[in-house]
Amino acid sequence: LQVLAISIHEAGHALAIRHFRRRVRLLGLAIYYLFPCAYVDSTDMVMAPRRQRIVVALAGPVAGLSVAAVASVITATVADPIVAAIAFKGATLLVFQFVMNMLPVLDLDGYHILVDALDAPLLRQRALAFVRVGMPRKLRRRERWTPNEAGHAAYGELALAASLRTLGLRGLVRRAPR
């Protein structure tokens, strides 16, 4: 199901790229966390207008969410418990994948949508650098903050907290009894 979910996601990106009459430079199979899956090279969209880049980034998660909706209907309407269970697991996986892809603190589609919407290239790197260097200096000197600096501080703190939370959860998972 994971291979299918990733392939649906990538097909959404590919269809959006073709919609804007751009080229899908490569379409193929890759190994993703030890599983084969489809991938799409979307580099032809780099020079496209921001709105088009946002649509292409959204197309993958929306494709998965659309298939999740169909799988949910199958779950609710099919009498065969095995088919219903597989459809439910597929829908759950696709919704989880949607949520993960849309988190703006991970370098996935949600981050790229945010970067394009704000027209802020390298947002994560700049925000983390500000949190590490600029913010302590500003706080020590009690200087006034610009809206840009406040945004970098908020995003950088959120990204840092999410990273630390993930590491903490990983530690809990490792210590769990087997």
C-alpha atoms as a PDB file:
ATOM      1  CA  LEU A   1       0.000   0.000   0.000  1.00  0.00           C
ATOM      2  CA  GLN A   2       2.890   2.364   0.741  1.00  0.00           C
ATOM      3  CA  VAL A   3       4.314   1.842  -2.754  1.00  0.00           C
ATOM      4  CA  LEU A   4       0.884   2.521  -4.240  1.00  0.00           C
ATOM      5  CA  ALA A   5       0.397   5.626  -2.051  1.00  0.00           C
ATOM      6  CA  ILE A   6       3.728   7.147  -3.096  1.00  0.00           C
ATOM      7  CA  SER A   7       3.044   6.311  -6.742  1.00  0.00           C
ATOM      8  CA  ILE A   8      -0.366   8.053  -6.582  1.00  0.00           C
ATOM      9  CA  HIS A   9       1.303  11.067  -4.987  1.00  0.00           C
ATOM     10  CA  GLU A  10       3.945  11.269  -7.705  1.00  0.00           C
ATOM     11  CA  ALA A  11       1.344  10.778 -10.452  1.00  0.00           C
ATOM     12  CA  GLY A  12      -0.468  13.846  -9.076  1.00  0.00           C
ATOM     13  CA  HIS A  13       2.710  15.898  -9.459  1.00  0.00           C
ATOM     14  CA  ALA A  14       3.281  14.558 -12.984  1.00  0.00           C
ATOM     15  CA  LEU A  15      -0.271  15.353 -14.119  1.00  0.00           C
ATOM     16  CA  ALA A  16      -0.009  18.900 -12.774  1.00  0.00           C
ATOM     17  CA  ILE A  17       3.308  19.414 -14.548  1.00  0.00           C
ATOM     18  CA  ARG A  18       1.766  18.245 -17.826  1.00  0.00           C
ATOM     19  CA  HIS A  19      -1.272  20.458 -17.188  1.00  0.00           C
ATOM     20  CA  PHE A  20       1.014  23.490 -17.322  1.00  0.00           C
ATOM     21  CA  ARG A  21       2.517  22.143 -20.571  1.00  0.00           C
ATOM     22  CA  ARG A  22       5.857  21.515 -18.920  1.00  0.00           C
ATOM     23  CA  ARG A  23       8.030  18.456 -19.305  1.00  0.00           C
ATOM     24  CA  VAL A  24       8.305  15.600 -16.833  1.00  0.00           C
ATOM     25  CA  ARG A  25      12.028  15.140 -17.372  1.00  0.00           C
ATOM     26  CA  LEU A  26      12.221  11.725 -15.717  1.00  0.00           C
ATOM     27  CA  LEU A  27       9.657   9.230 -14.565  1.00  0.00           C
ATOM     28  CA  GLY A  28      10.897   6.026 -13.086  1.00  0.00           C
ATOM     29  CA  LEU A  29      11.312   3.694 -10.166  1.00  0.00           C
ATOM     30  CA  ALA A  30      13.390   4.375  -7.085  1.00  0.00           C
ATOM     31  CA  ILE A  31      14.018   2.651  -3.789  1.00  0.00           C
ATOM     32  CA  TYR A  32      12.379   4.639  -0.978  1.00  0.00           C
ATOM     33  CA  TYR A  33      13.013   3.272   2.519  1.00  0.00           C
ATOM     34  CA  LEU A  34      13.759  -0.132   0.982  1.00  0.00           C
ATOM     35  CA  PHE A  35      10.510  -0.127  -1.062  1.00  0.00           C
ATOM     36  CA  PRO A  36      10.264   0.431  -4.817  1.00  0.00           C
ATOM     37  CA  CYS A  37       8.153   3.414  -5.782  1.00  0.00           C
ATOM     38  CA  ALA A  38       7.565   5.773  -8.675  1.00  0.00           C
ATOM     39  CA  TYR A  39       9.258   9.161  -8.780  1.00  0.00           C
ATOM     40  CA  VAL A  40       8.866  12.243 -10.937  1.00  0.00           C
ATOM     41  CA  ASP A  41      11.578  14.756 -11.784  1.00  0.00           C
ATOM     42  CA  SER A  42       9.818  18.116 -11.559  1.00  0.00           C
ATOM     43  CA  THR A  43      12.824  20.376 -12.177  1.00  0.00           C
ATOM     44  CA  ASP A  44      11.181  21.817 -15.289  1.00  0.00           C
ATOM     45  CA  MET A  45       8.831  23.683 -12.909  1.00  0.00           C
ATOM     46  CA  VAL A  46      11.669  25.594 -11.217  1.00  0.00           C
ATOM     47  CA  MET A  47      11.365  28.544 -13.587  1.00  0.00           C
ATOM     48  CA  ALA A  48       7.545  28.456 -13.692  1.00  0.00           C
ATOM     49  CA  PRO A  49       5.501  31.188 -11.981  1.00  0.00           C
ATOM     50  CA  ARG A  50       5.004  30.783  -8.227  1.00  0.00           C
ATOM     51  CA  ARG A  51       1.301  29.960  -8.544  1.00  0.00           C
ATOM     52  CA  GLN A  52       2.059  27.078 -10.905  1.00  0.00           C
ATOM     53  CA  ARG A  53       4.775  25.742  -8.602  1.00  0.00           C
ATOM     54  CA  ILE A  54       2.319  25.825  -5.697  1.00  0.00           C
ATOM     55  CA  VAL A  55      -0.296  23.936  -7.735  1.00  0.00           C
ATOM     56  CA  VAL A  56       2.251  21.261  -8.703  1.00  0.00           C
ATOM     57  CA  ALA A  57       3.368  20.890  -5.074  1.00  0.00           C
ATOM     58  CA  LEU A  58      -0.271  20.594  -3.942  1.00  0.00           C
ATOM     59  CA  ALA A  59      -1.188  18.128  -6.697  1.00  0.00           C
ATOM     60  CA  GLY A  60       0.621  15.177  -5.113  1.00  0.00           C
ATOM     61  CA  PRO A  61      -1.003  15.435  -1.665  1.00  0.00           C
ATOM     62  CA  VAL A  62      -4.414  16.223  -3.187  1.00  0.00           C
ATOM     63  CA  ALA A  63      -4.171  13.180  -5.483  1.00  0.00           C
ATOM     64  CA  GLY A  64      -3.533  10.995  -2.451  1.00  0.00           C
ATOM     65  CA  LEU A  65      -6.383  12.603  -0.527  1.00  0.00           C
ATOM     66  CA  SER A  66      -8.726  12.040  -3.475  1.00  0.00           C
ATOM     67  CA  VAL A  67      -7.868   8.349  -3.622  1.00  0.00           C
ATOM     68  CA  ALA A  68      -8.271   8.202   0.182  1.00  0.00           C
ATOM     69  CA  ALA A  69     -11.818   9.531  -0.236  1.00  0.00           C
ATOM     70  CA  VAL A  70     -12.615   6.800  -2.770  1.00  0.00           C
ATOM     71  CA  ALA A  71     -11.083   4.180  -0.465  1.00  0.00           C
ATOM     72  CA  SER A  72     -13.229   5.504   2.402  1.00  0.00           C
ATOM     73  CA  VAL A  73     -16.375   5.101   0.320  1.00  0.00           C
ATOM     74  CA  ILE A  74     -15.296   1.541  -0.562  1.00  0.00           C
ATOM     75  CA  THR A  75     -14.703   0.853   3.147  1.00  0.00           C
ATOM     76  CA  ALA A  76     -18.216   2.008   4.021  1.00  0.00           C
ATOM     77  CA  THR A  77     -20.074   0.330   1.158  1.00  0.00           C
ATOM     78  CA  VAL A  78     -18.373  -2.985   0.389  1.00  0.00           C
ATOM     79  CA  ALA A  79     -19.725  -6.075   2.145  1.00  0.00           C
ATOM     80  CA  ASP A  80     -16.528  -8.129   1.858  1.00  0.00           C
ATOM     81  CA  PRO A  81     -14.582  -7.560   5.118  1.00  0.00           C
ATOM     82  CA  ILE A  82     -11.184  -8.217   3.521  1.00  0.00           C
ATOM     83  CA  VAL A  83     -11.734  -5.639   0.763  1.00  0.00           C
ATOM     84  CA  ALA A  84     -13.123  -3.169   3.324  1.00  0.00           C
ATOM     85  CA  ALA A  85     -10.106  -3.686   5.608  1.00  0.00           C
ATOM     86  CA  ILE A  86      -7.622  -3.149   2.777  1.00  0.00           C
ATOM     87  CA  ALA A  87      -9.507  -0.033   1.619  1.00  0.00           C
ATOM     88  CA  PHE A  88      -9.543   1.299   5.196  1.00  0.00           C
ATOM     89  CA  LYS A  89      -5.800   0.734   5.590  1.00  0.00           C
ATOM     90  CA  GLY A  90      -5.171   2.413   2.246  1.00  0.00           C
ATOM     91  CA  ALA A  91      -7.322   5.408   3.168  1.00  0.00           C
ATOM     92  CA  THR A  92      -5.587   5.715   6.531  1.00  0.00           C
ATOM     93  CA  LEU A  93      -2.148   5.542   4.934  1.00  0.00           C
ATOM     94  CA  LEU A  94      -3.055   8.139   2.294  1.00  0.00           C
ATOM     95  CA  VAL A  95      -4.454  10.566   4.882  1.00  0.00           C
ATOM     96  CA  PHE A  96      -1.358  10.104   7.061  1.00  0.00           C
ATOM     97  CA  GLN A  97       0.835  10.709   4.019  1.00  0.00           C
ATOM     98  CA  PHE A  98      -1.166  13.878   3.238  1.00  0.00           C
ATOM     99  CA  VAL A  99      -0.684  15.230   6.762  1.00  0.00           C
ATOM    100  CA  MET A 100       3.040  14.463   6.766  1.00  0.00           C
ATOM    101  CA  ASN A 101       3.551  16.002   3.324  1.00  0.00           C
ATOM    102  CA  MET A 102       1.741  19.193   4.299  1.00  0.00           C
ATOM    103  CA  LEU A 103       3.760  19.856   7.485  1.00  0.00           C
ATOM    104  CA  PRO A 104       5.717  23.008   6.667  1.00  0.00           C
ATOM    105  CA  VAL A 105       8.569  22.143   9.039  1.00  0.00           C
ATOM    106  CA  LEU A 106       9.546  19.081   6.978  1.00  0.00           C
ATOM    107  CA  ASP A 107      11.293  19.523   3.638  1.00  0.00           C
ATOM    108  CA  LEU A 108       8.317  18.102   1.741  1.00  0.00           C
ATOM    109  CA  ASP A 109       5.459  19.577  -0.291  1.00  0.00           C
ATOM    110  CA  GLY A 110       4.061  21.738   2.537  1.00  0.00           C
ATOM    111  CA  TYR A 111       7.432  23.421   2.985  1.00  0.00           C
ATOM    112  CA  HIS A 112       7.759  24.114  -0.740  1.00  0.00           C
ATOM    113  CA  ILE A 113       4.222  25.525  -0.844  1.00  0.00           C
ATOM    114  CA  LEU A 114       5.053  27.824   2.075  1.00  0.00           C
ATOM    115  CA  VAL A 115       8.335  28.922   0.492  1.00  0.00           C
ATOM    116  CA  ASP A 116       6.581  29.756  -2.788  1.00  0.00           C
ATOM    117  CA  ALA A 117       3.590  31.410  -1.087  1.00  0.00           C
ATOM    118  CA  LEU A 118       5.883  33.666   0.963  1.00  0.00           C
ATOM    119  CA  ASP A 119       8.461  34.008  -1.820  1.00  0.00           C
ATOM    120  CA  ALA A 120      11.093  33.095   0.773  1.00  0.00           C
ATOM    121  CA  PRO A 121      13.736  30.790  -0.735  1.00  0.00           C
ATOM    122  CA  LEU A 122      15.850  28.828   1.756  1.00  0.00           C
ATOM    123  CA  LEU A 123      13.356  29.672   4.507  1.00  0.00           C
ATOM    124  CA  ARG A 124      14.321  26.836   6.826  1.00  0.00           C
ATOM    125  CA  GLN A 125      18.055  27.504   6.599  1.00  0.00           C
ATOM    126  CA  ARG A 126      17.630  31.254   7.093  1.00  0.00           C
ATOM    127  CA  ALA A 127      15.172  30.807   9.963  1.00  0.00           C
ATOM    128  CA  LEU A 128      17.395  28.334  11.808  1.00  0.00           C
ATOM    129  CA  ALA A 129      20.406  30.596  11.303  1.00  0.00           C
ATOM    130  CA  PHE A 130      18.422  33.512  12.768  1.00  0.00           C
ATOM    131  CA  VAL A 131      17.356  31.420  15.778  1.00  0.00           C
ATOM    132  CA  ARG A 132      20.947  30.316  16.320  1.00  0.00           C
ATOM    133  CA  VAL A 133      22.725  33.662  15.789  1.00  0.00           C
ATOM    134  CA  GLY A 134      20.422  36.624  15.219  1.00  0.00           C
ATOM    135  CA  MET A 135      17.746  36.005  17.833  1.00  0.00           C
ATOM    136  CA  PRO A 136      20.095  35.693  20.842  1.00  0.00           C
ATOM    137  CA  ARG A 137      21.850  38.890  19.768  1.00  0.00           C
ATOM    138  CA  LYS A 138      18.529  40.724  19.361  1.00  0.00           C
ATOM    139  CA  LEU A 139      17.359  39.522  22.767  1.00  0.00           C
ATOM    140  CA  ARG A 140      20.633  40.483  24.482  1.00  0.00           C
ATOM    141  CA  ARG A 141      20.594  43.976  22.982  1.00  0.00           C
ATOM    142  CA  ARG A 142      16.818  44.335  23.391  1.00  0.00           C
ATOM    143  CA  GLU A 143      16.548  45.543  19.816  1.00  0.00           C
ATOM    144  CA  ARG A 144      13.327  46.059  17.936  1.00  0.00           C
ATOM    145  CA  TRP A 145      12.305  43.174  15.660  1.00  0.00           C
ATOM    146  CA  THR A 146      11.185  43.538  12.075  1.00  0.00           C
ATOM    147  CA  PRO A 147       8.184  41.485  10.896  1.00  0.00           C
ATOM    148  CA  ASN A 148      10.600  39.406   8.799  1.00  0.00           C
ATOM    149  CA  GLU A 149      12.730  38.605  11.857  1.00  0.00           C
ATOM    150  CA  ALA A 150       9.650  37.722  13.900  1.00  0.00           C
ATOM    151  CA  GLY A 151       8.542  35.333  11.130  1.00  0.00           C
ATOM    152  CA  HIS A 152      11.993  33.753  10.954  1.00  0.00           C
ATOM    153  CA  ALA A 153      12.029  33.349  14.730  1.00  0.00           C
ATOM    154  CA  ALA A 154       8.571  31.758  14.804  1.00  0.00           C
ATOM    155  CA  TYR A 155       9.286  29.364  11.931  1.00  0.00           C
ATOM    156  CA  GLY A 156      12.784  28.555  13.183  1.00  0.00           C
ATOM    157  CA  GLU A 157      11.541  27.808  16.706  1.00  0.00           C
ATOM    158  CA  LEU A 158       8.757  25.631  15.311  1.00  0.00           C
ATOM    159  CA  ALA A 159      11.182  23.726  13.055  1.00  0.00           C
ATOM    160  CA  LEU A 160      13.642  23.281  15.916  1.00  0.00           C
ATOM    161  CA  ALA A 161      10.901  22.109  18.302  1.00  0.00           C
ATOM    162  CA  ALA A 162       9.582  19.644  15.715  1.00  0.00           C
ATOM    163  CA  SER A 163      13.077  18.259  15.153  1.00  0.00           C
ATOM    164  CA  LEU A 164      13.728  17.858  18.887  1.00  0.00           C
ATOM    165  CA  ARG A 165      10.284  16.315  19.399  1.00  0.00           C
ATOM    166  CA  THR A 166      10.985  13.810  16.635  1.00  0.00           C
ATOM    167  CA  LEU A 167      14.314  12.871  18.216  1.00  0.00           C
ATOM    168  CA  GLY A 168      12.600  12.515  21.604  1.00  0.00           C
ATOM    169  CA  LEU A 169       9.908  10.269  20.153  1.00  0.00           C
ATOM    170  CA  ARG A 170      12.577   8.199  18.461  1.00  0.00           C
ATOM    171  CA  GLY A 171      14.257   7.712  21.825  1.00  0.00           C
ATOM    172  CA  LEU A 172      10.962   6.600  23.367  1.00  0.00           C
ATOM    173  CA  VAL A 173      10.393   4.103  20.583  1.00  0.00           C
ATOM    174  CA  ARG A 174      13.865   2.635  21.058  1.00  0.00           C
ATOM    175  CA  ARG A 175      13.323   2.211  24.819  1.00  0.00           C
ATOM    176  CA  ALA A 176       9.915   0.589  24.456  1.00  0.00           C
ATOM    177  CA  PRO A 177       9.762  -2.994  25.719  1.00  0.00           C
ATOM    178  CA  ARG A 178       9.596  -5.652  23.069  1.00  0.00           C
END
